[in-house]
Amino acid sequence: MDKYNLIAFAIGLIPTILLYLFPPDAAVPFWAFSIVLFFLLIAIWMCAKLWLESKNDIHHRMQSQCLYL
């Protein structure tokens, strides 16, 4: 299990819990919305970083296998 998956899940869980505390008919305060937006951007960044690193690892493994053939 990759640590980035766990971190991205935890960061995504924080805004979910924060917005769950507010009733559906109540207005969400701006500070709560800002925190949710901040964690969403961090989660997107972590997922993009994980995707790029895994894409790079696959590319390097394919090149090393081709060299041995």
Protein backbone atom coordinates (compact mmCIF):
# COMPACT_ATOMS: atom_id res chain seq x y z
CA MET A 1 0.00 0.00 0.00
CA ASP A 2 1.37 3.36 -1.01
CA LYS A 3 1.50 6.11 1.60
CA TYR A 4 0.24 8.67 -0.93
CA ASN A 5 -3.04 6.76 -1.32
CA LEU A 6 -3.58 6.85 2.43
CA ILE A 7 -2.71 10.56 2.64
CA ALA A 8 -5.05 11.43 -0.26
CA PHE A 9 -7.86 9.44 1.38
CA ALA A 10 -7.33 11.17 4.73
CA ILE A 11 -7.25 14.60 3.10
CA GLY A 12 -10.46 13.79 1.22
CA LEU A 13 -12.13 12.55 4.39
CA ILE A 14 -11.54 15.79 6.33
CA PRO A 15 -13.82 18.00 4.17
CA THR A 16 -16.47 15.29 4.09
CA ILE A 17 -16.62 15.18 7.87
CA LEU A 18 -16.53 18.99 8.08
CA LEU A 19 -19.47 19.42 5.71
CA TYR A 20 -21.37 16.57 7.40
CA LEU A 21 -21.48 18.62 10.61
CA PHE A 22 -23.67 21.28 8.95
CA PRO A 23 -27.38 20.53 8.37
CA PRO A 24 -28.50 20.50 4.70
CA ASP A 25 -30.74 23.56 5.05
CA ALA A 26 -28.09 25.69 6.86
CA ALA A 27 -25.70 27.99 5.06
CA VAL A 28 -22.09 26.84 5.18
CA PRO A 29 -19.79 29.56 6.57
CA PHE A 30 -17.11 30.91 4.26
CA TRP A 31 -14.28 29.67 6.50
CA ALA A 32 -15.60 26.10 6.30
CA PHE A 33 -15.98 26.33 2.52
CA SER A 34 -12.44 27.71 2.24
CA ILE A 35 -11.02 24.82 4.27
CA VAL A 36 -12.90 22.29 2.13
CA LEU A 37 -11.63 23.95 -1.05
CA PHE A 38 -8.07 23.98 0.28
CA PHE A 39 -8.15 20.27 1.12
CA LEU A 40 -9.72 19.50 -2.25
CA LEU A 41 -6.85 21.23 -4.04
CA ILE A 42 -4.30 19.37 -1.91
CA ALA A 43 -6.03 16.05 -2.68
CA ILE A 44 -6.00 16.79 -6.42
CA TRP A 45 -2.32 17.72 -6.22
CA MET A 46 -1.49 14.49 -4.34
CA CYS A 47 -3.42 12.36 -6.84
CA ALA A 48 -1.72 14.08 -9.79
CA LYS A 49 1.69 13.59 -8.17
CA LEU A 50 0.97 9.91 -7.55
CA TRP A 51 -0.22 9.44 -11.14
CA LEU A 52 2.84 11.15 -12.60
CA GLU A 53 5.23 9.15 -10.40
CA SER A 54 3.55 5.87 -11.27
CA LYS A 55 3.59 6.77 -14.96
CA ASN A 56 7.30 7.58 -14.70
CA ASP A 57 8.03 4.31 -12.85
CA ILE A 58 6.25 2.28 -15.53
CA HIS A 59 8.21 4.06 -18.25
CA HIS A 60 11.54 3.33 -16.51
CA ARG A 61 10.63 -0.34 -15.96
CA MET A 62 9.73 -0.75 -19.63
CA GLN A 63 13.03 0.79 -20.71
CA SER A 64 15.06 -1.42 -18.38
CA GLN A 65 13.27 -4.54 -19.63
CA CYS A 66 13.96 -3.58 -23.24
CA LEU A 67 17.67 -3.18 -22.50
CA TYR A 68 17.91 -6.77 -21.23
CA LEU A 69 16.24 -8.23 -24.31
